[in-house]
N, C-alpha and C. Protein backbone atom coordinates (compact mmCIF):
# COMPACT_ATOMS: atom_id res chain seq x y z
N MET A 1 10.87 -6.74 -36.01
CA MET A 1 11.75 -6.62 -34.87
C MET A 1 11.11 -7.33 -33.67
N LYS A 2 11.93 -8.05 -32.99
CA LYS A 2 11.48 -8.80 -31.84
C LYS A 2 11.41 -7.87 -30.61
N HIS A 3 10.30 -7.93 -29.87
CA HIS A 3 10.16 -7.08 -28.70
C HIS A 3 10.80 -7.76 -27.51
N ARG A 4 11.61 -6.99 -26.80
CA ARG A 4 12.28 -7.51 -25.61
C ARG A 4 11.84 -6.69 -24.42
N PRO A 5 11.92 -7.26 -23.23
CA PRO A 5 11.56 -6.50 -22.04
C PRO A 5 12.47 -5.28 -21.88
N VAL A 6 11.98 -4.29 -21.17
CA VAL A 6 12.73 -3.05 -21.01
C VAL A 6 14.04 -3.28 -20.28
N PHE A 7 14.04 -4.16 -19.26
CA PHE A 7 15.27 -4.37 -18.50
C PHE A 7 16.37 -4.97 -19.37
N TYR A 8 16.00 -5.59 -20.48
CA TYR A 8 16.99 -6.14 -21.39
C TYR A 8 17.85 -5.03 -21.98
N LEU A 9 17.25 -3.89 -22.25
CA LEU A 9 18.00 -2.76 -22.78
C LEU A 9 19.03 -2.26 -21.78
N TYR A 10 18.68 -2.30 -20.50
CA TYR A 10 19.60 -1.82 -19.49
C TYR A 10 20.80 -2.73 -19.34
N THR A 11 20.61 -4.01 -19.49
CA THR A 11 21.72 -4.94 -19.33
C THR A 11 22.68 -4.89 -20.51
N LEU A 12 22.18 -4.52 -21.66
CA LEU A 12 23.03 -4.45 -22.85
C LEU A 12 23.57 -3.05 -23.12
N ARG A 13 23.48 -2.16 -22.17
CA ARG A 13 23.89 -0.78 -22.37
C ARG A 13 25.33 -0.67 -22.84
N SER A 14 26.21 -1.45 -22.30
CA SER A 14 27.62 -1.33 -22.67
C SER A 14 27.87 -1.77 -24.11
N THR A 15 27.04 -2.66 -24.65
CA THR A 15 27.26 -3.13 -26.02
C THR A 15 26.51 -2.31 -27.05
N MET A 16 25.59 -1.45 -26.62
CA MET A 16 24.80 -0.67 -27.55
C MET A 16 25.40 0.71 -27.75
N SER A 17 24.82 1.44 -28.68
CA SER A 17 25.31 2.80 -28.95
C SER A 17 24.92 3.74 -27.83
N ASP A 18 25.44 4.95 -27.87
CA ASP A 18 25.20 5.92 -26.80
C ASP A 18 23.80 6.50 -26.80
N ASP A 19 23.02 6.31 -27.83
CA ASP A 19 21.68 6.90 -27.87
C ASP A 19 20.61 6.02 -27.22
N THR A 20 21.01 4.93 -26.58
CA THR A 20 20.03 4.09 -25.89
C THR A 20 19.64 4.72 -24.57
N VAL A 21 18.55 4.28 -24.04
CA VAL A 21 18.04 4.83 -22.79
C VAL A 21 18.82 4.23 -21.62
N ALA A 22 19.29 5.10 -20.74
CA ALA A 22 20.04 4.63 -19.57
C ALA A 22 19.06 4.19 -18.48
N ALA A 23 19.53 3.32 -17.63
CA ALA A 23 18.70 2.87 -16.51
C ALA A 23 18.44 4.03 -15.57
N PRO A 24 17.22 4.16 -15.09
CA PRO A 24 16.93 5.28 -14.20
C PRO A 24 17.68 5.12 -12.88
N LYS A 25 18.18 6.23 -12.36
CA LYS A 25 18.91 6.20 -11.10
C LYS A 25 17.89 6.02 -9.97
N VAL A 26 18.17 5.08 -9.12
CA VAL A 26 17.28 4.82 -8.00
C VAL A 26 17.72 5.72 -6.86
N LYS A 27 16.84 6.61 -6.47
CA LYS A 27 17.13 7.54 -5.40
C LYS A 27 16.62 6.94 -4.09
N LYS A 28 17.51 6.84 -3.12
CA LYS A 28 17.12 6.27 -1.84
C LYS A 28 16.28 7.30 -1.10
N ASP A 29 15.06 6.93 -0.82
CA ASP A 29 14.13 7.83 -0.17
C ASP A 29 14.19 7.61 1.33
N LYS A 30 14.42 8.68 2.08
CA LYS A 30 14.52 8.52 3.53
C LYS A 30 13.16 8.27 4.18
N TYR A 31 12.10 8.46 3.44
CA TYR A 31 10.76 8.23 3.97
C TYR A 31 10.21 6.85 3.59
N ALA A 32 11.02 6.01 2.98
CA ALA A 32 10.54 4.74 2.44
C ALA A 32 10.07 3.75 3.51
N GLY A 33 10.64 3.76 4.69
CA GLY A 33 10.28 2.77 5.69
C GLY A 33 9.12 3.17 6.59
N LEU A 34 8.49 4.27 6.30
CA LEU A 34 7.42 4.75 7.16
C LEU A 34 6.13 3.99 6.94
N ARG A 35 5.25 4.07 7.91
CA ARG A 35 3.94 3.44 7.82
C ARG A 35 3.12 4.06 6.70
N HIS A 36 3.16 5.40 6.62
CA HIS A 36 2.51 6.14 5.54
C HIS A 36 3.58 7.04 4.93
N VAL A 37 3.88 6.86 3.66
CA VAL A 37 4.91 7.65 3.01
C VAL A 37 4.32 8.98 2.56
N PRO A 38 4.85 10.11 3.08
CA PRO A 38 4.30 11.40 2.67
C PRO A 38 4.67 11.73 1.24
N THR A 39 3.72 12.27 0.50
CA THR A 39 3.98 12.64 -0.88
C THR A 39 4.11 14.15 -1.05
N GLN A 40 3.44 14.88 -0.19
CA GLN A 40 3.51 16.33 -0.27
C GLN A 40 4.61 16.88 0.62
N THR A 41 5.00 18.10 0.32
CA THR A 41 6.08 18.74 1.07
C THR A 41 5.71 18.94 2.53
N ARG A 42 4.47 19.31 2.80
CA ARG A 42 4.08 19.56 4.19
C ARG A 42 4.11 18.28 5.02
N GLY A 43 3.81 17.13 4.42
CA GLY A 43 3.92 15.86 5.13
C GLY A 43 5.36 15.50 5.43
N LYS A 44 6.24 15.78 4.47
CA LYS A 44 7.67 15.52 4.69
C LYS A 44 8.22 16.43 5.76
N ARG A 45 7.77 17.69 5.76
CA ARG A 45 8.20 18.62 6.80
C ARG A 45 7.72 18.16 8.17
N LYS A 46 6.53 17.62 8.21
CA LYS A 46 5.98 17.15 9.49
C LYS A 46 6.77 15.95 10.01
N VAL A 47 7.16 15.04 9.13
CA VAL A 47 7.97 13.89 9.55
C VAL A 47 9.33 14.37 10.05
N ASP A 48 9.92 15.34 9.35
CA ASP A 48 11.20 15.89 9.78
C ASP A 48 11.06 16.60 11.13
N LEU A 49 9.95 17.30 11.34
CA LEU A 49 9.69 17.96 12.61
C LEU A 49 9.58 16.94 13.74
N ILE A 50 8.87 15.87 13.49
CA ILE A 50 8.73 14.81 14.50
C ILE A 50 10.09 14.19 14.81
N ALA A 51 10.91 13.97 13.79
CA ALA A 51 12.24 13.39 14.00
C ALA A 51 13.12 14.32 14.82
N GLU A 52 13.09 15.62 14.53
CA GLU A 52 13.90 16.57 15.29
C GLU A 52 13.47 16.64 16.75
N HIS A 53 12.17 16.65 16.99
CA HIS A 53 11.69 16.72 18.36
C HIS A 53 11.89 15.39 19.10
N THR A 54 11.93 14.29 18.37
CA THR A 54 12.27 13.01 19.00
C THR A 54 13.70 13.05 19.52
N LYS A 55 14.61 13.60 18.72
CA LYS A 55 16.00 13.74 19.15
C LYS A 55 16.10 14.65 20.37
N LEU A 56 15.32 15.73 20.36
CA LEU A 56 15.33 16.66 21.48
C LEU A 56 14.83 15.99 22.76
N VAL A 57 13.76 15.25 22.66
CA VAL A 57 13.22 14.54 23.84
C VAL A 57 14.18 13.46 24.30
N LEU A 58 14.82 12.78 23.37
CA LEU A 58 15.80 11.76 23.75
C LEU A 58 16.97 12.37 24.51
N ARG A 59 17.40 13.56 24.10
CA ARG A 59 18.50 14.22 24.80
C ARG A 59 18.10 14.66 26.21
N THR A 60 16.85 15.04 26.38
CA THR A 60 16.44 15.57 27.68
C THR A 60 16.05 14.47 28.67
N VAL A 61 15.25 13.49 28.26
CA VAL A 61 14.78 12.48 29.21
C VAL A 61 15.46 11.13 29.06
N GLY A 62 16.12 10.88 27.96
CA GLY A 62 16.80 9.60 27.78
C GLY A 62 15.96 8.60 27.00
N ARG A 63 16.62 7.56 26.56
CA ARG A 63 15.99 6.56 25.71
C ARG A 63 14.95 5.74 26.45
N ASP A 64 15.19 5.43 27.69
CA ASP A 64 14.29 4.55 28.43
C ASP A 64 13.03 5.25 28.93
N ARG A 65 13.08 6.56 29.09
CA ARG A 65 11.95 7.27 29.68
C ARG A 65 11.14 8.09 28.67
N PHE A 66 11.54 8.11 27.41
CA PHE A 66 10.81 8.95 26.46
C PHE A 66 9.54 8.26 25.99
N THR A 67 8.51 9.08 25.72
CA THR A 67 7.24 8.55 25.24
C THR A 67 6.82 9.30 23.98
N THR A 68 5.94 8.72 23.24
CA THR A 68 5.45 9.39 22.03
C THR A 68 4.60 10.59 22.39
N GLU A 69 3.97 10.58 23.55
CA GLU A 69 3.20 11.74 24.01
C GLU A 69 4.10 12.94 24.22
N GLN A 70 5.30 12.71 24.78
CA GLN A 70 6.25 13.80 24.96
C GLN A 70 6.71 14.37 23.62
N VAL A 71 6.92 13.50 22.66
CA VAL A 71 7.33 13.94 21.34
C VAL A 71 6.22 14.76 20.69
N ALA A 72 5.00 14.30 20.80
CA ALA A 72 3.86 15.01 20.21
C ALA A 72 3.70 16.39 20.84
N GLU A 73 3.81 16.45 22.15
CA GLU A 73 3.68 17.73 22.83
C GLU A 73 4.80 18.68 22.45
N SER A 74 6.02 18.17 22.36
CA SER A 74 7.16 19.00 22.01
C SER A 74 7.07 19.51 20.57
N ALA A 75 6.61 18.65 19.66
CA ALA A 75 6.52 19.02 18.25
C ALA A 75 5.27 19.85 17.96
N GLY A 76 4.30 19.85 18.87
CA GLY A 76 3.08 20.60 18.64
C GLY A 76 2.13 19.93 17.68
N VAL A 77 2.17 18.60 17.64
CA VAL A 77 1.26 17.82 16.79
C VAL A 77 0.48 16.87 17.68
N SER A 78 -0.59 16.31 17.16
CA SER A 78 -1.35 15.33 17.94
C SER A 78 -0.65 13.98 17.89
N ILE A 79 -1.00 13.14 18.83
CA ILE A 79 -0.41 11.80 18.90
C ILE A 79 -0.80 10.99 17.67
N GLY A 80 -1.97 11.28 17.10
CA GLY A 80 -2.42 10.58 15.90
C GLY A 80 -1.52 10.82 14.70
N VAL A 81 -0.92 12.01 14.63
CA VAL A 81 -0.01 12.31 13.53
C VAL A 81 1.23 11.43 13.63
N ILE A 82 1.72 11.25 14.83
CA ILE A 82 2.90 10.38 15.01
C ILE A 82 2.57 8.95 14.61
N TYR A 83 1.39 8.47 15.03
CA TYR A 83 1.02 7.10 14.70
C TYR A 83 0.57 6.94 13.25
N ARG A 84 0.36 8.03 12.55
CA ARG A 84 0.09 7.94 11.11
C ARG A 84 1.36 7.54 10.36
N TYR A 85 2.49 8.05 10.82
CA TYR A 85 3.75 7.80 10.13
C TYR A 85 4.58 6.68 10.75
N PHE A 86 4.41 6.42 12.04
CA PHE A 86 5.23 5.42 12.74
C PHE A 86 4.32 4.43 13.46
N ASP A 87 4.70 3.16 13.45
CA ASP A 87 3.90 2.12 14.09
C ASP A 87 3.87 2.25 15.61
N ASP A 88 5.05 2.48 16.19
CA ASP A 88 5.15 2.57 17.64
C ASP A 88 6.43 3.31 18.01
N LYS A 89 6.73 3.31 19.29
CA LYS A 89 7.91 4.02 19.79
C LYS A 89 9.20 3.44 19.22
N VAL A 90 9.25 2.14 19.09
CA VAL A 90 10.45 1.49 18.56
C VAL A 90 10.67 1.86 17.09
N ASP A 91 9.60 1.93 16.33
CA ASP A 91 9.69 2.34 14.93
C ASP A 91 10.20 3.78 14.82
N LEU A 92 9.75 4.63 15.70
CA LEU A 92 10.22 6.02 15.75
C LEU A 92 11.70 6.06 16.10
N LEU A 93 12.11 5.25 17.06
CA LEU A 93 13.54 5.18 17.41
C LEU A 93 14.38 4.67 16.25
N ASN A 94 13.88 3.66 15.56
CA ASN A 94 14.63 3.12 14.41
C ASN A 94 14.78 4.15 13.30
N TYR A 95 13.78 5.01 13.12
CA TYR A 95 13.85 6.03 12.08
C TYR A 95 14.86 7.11 12.45
N VAL A 96 14.84 7.54 13.71
CA VAL A 96 15.72 8.62 14.14
C VAL A 96 17.15 8.12 14.36
N TRP A 97 17.27 6.92 14.84
CA TRP A 97 18.56 6.37 15.26
C TRP A 97 18.71 4.97 14.69
N PRO A 98 18.96 4.86 13.37
CA PRO A 98 18.90 3.55 12.71
C PRO A 98 19.98 2.55 13.15
N LYS A 99 21.13 3.03 13.62
CA LYS A 99 22.21 2.11 13.97
C LYS A 99 22.24 1.78 15.46
N ARG A 100 21.16 2.13 16.19
CA ARG A 100 21.15 1.90 17.63
C ARG A 100 21.17 0.43 17.99
N ARG A 101 20.56 -0.39 17.17
CA ARG A 101 20.52 -1.82 17.47
C ARG A 101 21.94 -2.40 17.49
N ASP A 102 22.79 -1.94 16.58
CA ASP A 102 24.17 -2.43 16.56
C ASP A 102 24.96 -1.94 17.77
N GLN A 103 24.62 -0.75 18.28
CA GLN A 103 25.34 -0.21 19.42
C GLN A 103 24.94 -0.89 20.72
N PHE A 104 23.66 -1.20 20.88
CA PHE A 104 23.20 -1.78 22.14
C PHE A 104 23.20 -3.29 22.12
N TYR A 105 23.06 -3.88 20.96
CA TYR A 105 23.02 -5.33 20.87
C TYR A 105 24.10 -5.81 19.89
N PRO A 106 25.35 -5.85 20.34
CA PRO A 106 26.41 -6.31 19.42
C PRO A 106 26.21 -7.78 19.07
N LYS A 107 26.76 -8.15 17.95
CA LYS A 107 26.63 -9.54 17.52
C LYS A 107 27.30 -10.45 18.52
N LYS A 108 26.56 -11.48 18.92
CA LYS A 108 27.07 -12.42 19.90
C LYS A 108 27.96 -13.45 19.23
N LYS A 109 29.02 -13.80 19.94
CA LYS A 109 29.90 -14.85 19.44
C LYS A 109 29.29 -16.20 19.77
N ASN A 110 29.56 -17.15 18.96
CA ASN A 110 29.05 -18.50 19.19
C ASN A 110 29.78 -19.10 20.38
N LYS A 111 29.06 -19.50 21.42
CA LYS A 111 29.67 -20.05 22.62
C LYS A 111 30.35 -21.38 22.34
N ARG A 112 29.84 -22.11 21.40
CA ARG A 112 30.41 -23.43 21.12
C ARG A 112 31.79 -23.33 20.51
N SER A 113 32.09 -22.23 19.83
CA SER A 113 33.41 -22.11 19.22
C SER A 113 34.51 -21.91 20.27
N ALA A 114 34.13 -21.51 21.49
CA ALA A 114 35.10 -21.32 22.55
C ALA A 114 35.62 -22.65 23.09
N TYR A 115 34.82 -23.69 22.97
CA TYR A 115 35.22 -25.01 23.46
C TYR A 115 35.81 -25.82 22.33
N LYS A 116 36.90 -26.48 22.67
CA LYS A 116 37.53 -27.33 21.66
C LYS A 116 36.93 -28.72 21.71
N SER A 117 36.69 -29.23 20.57
CA SER A 117 36.16 -30.60 20.54
C SER A 117 37.29 -31.59 20.63
N SER A 118 37.10 -32.63 21.39
CA SER A 118 38.19 -33.60 21.55
C SER A 118 37.97 -34.85 20.78
């Protein structure tokens, strides 16, 4: 019998019998974009705690005036814990509010399309 790569079995699933191995379901991990991906439950809880307190600080002081120090103080963690999981303030904002870039920076129209060429 000729050995084929594993992904070959997944592509031929529809033509094979039902006892073949199905492709594993890829679960989208909400922690995938972090600087350090937590593996234990307590690390995941800590990231969730930081995210919740980031939202709280954003509601109280606003997007322009919030700092990571305020988030750390509110969450009761050190600033080093925040920087373990997030690169900077912008990374923290992107994690908590992923669609903010689309809201504040809409796609610009091409200025040249407004002028007709003669």
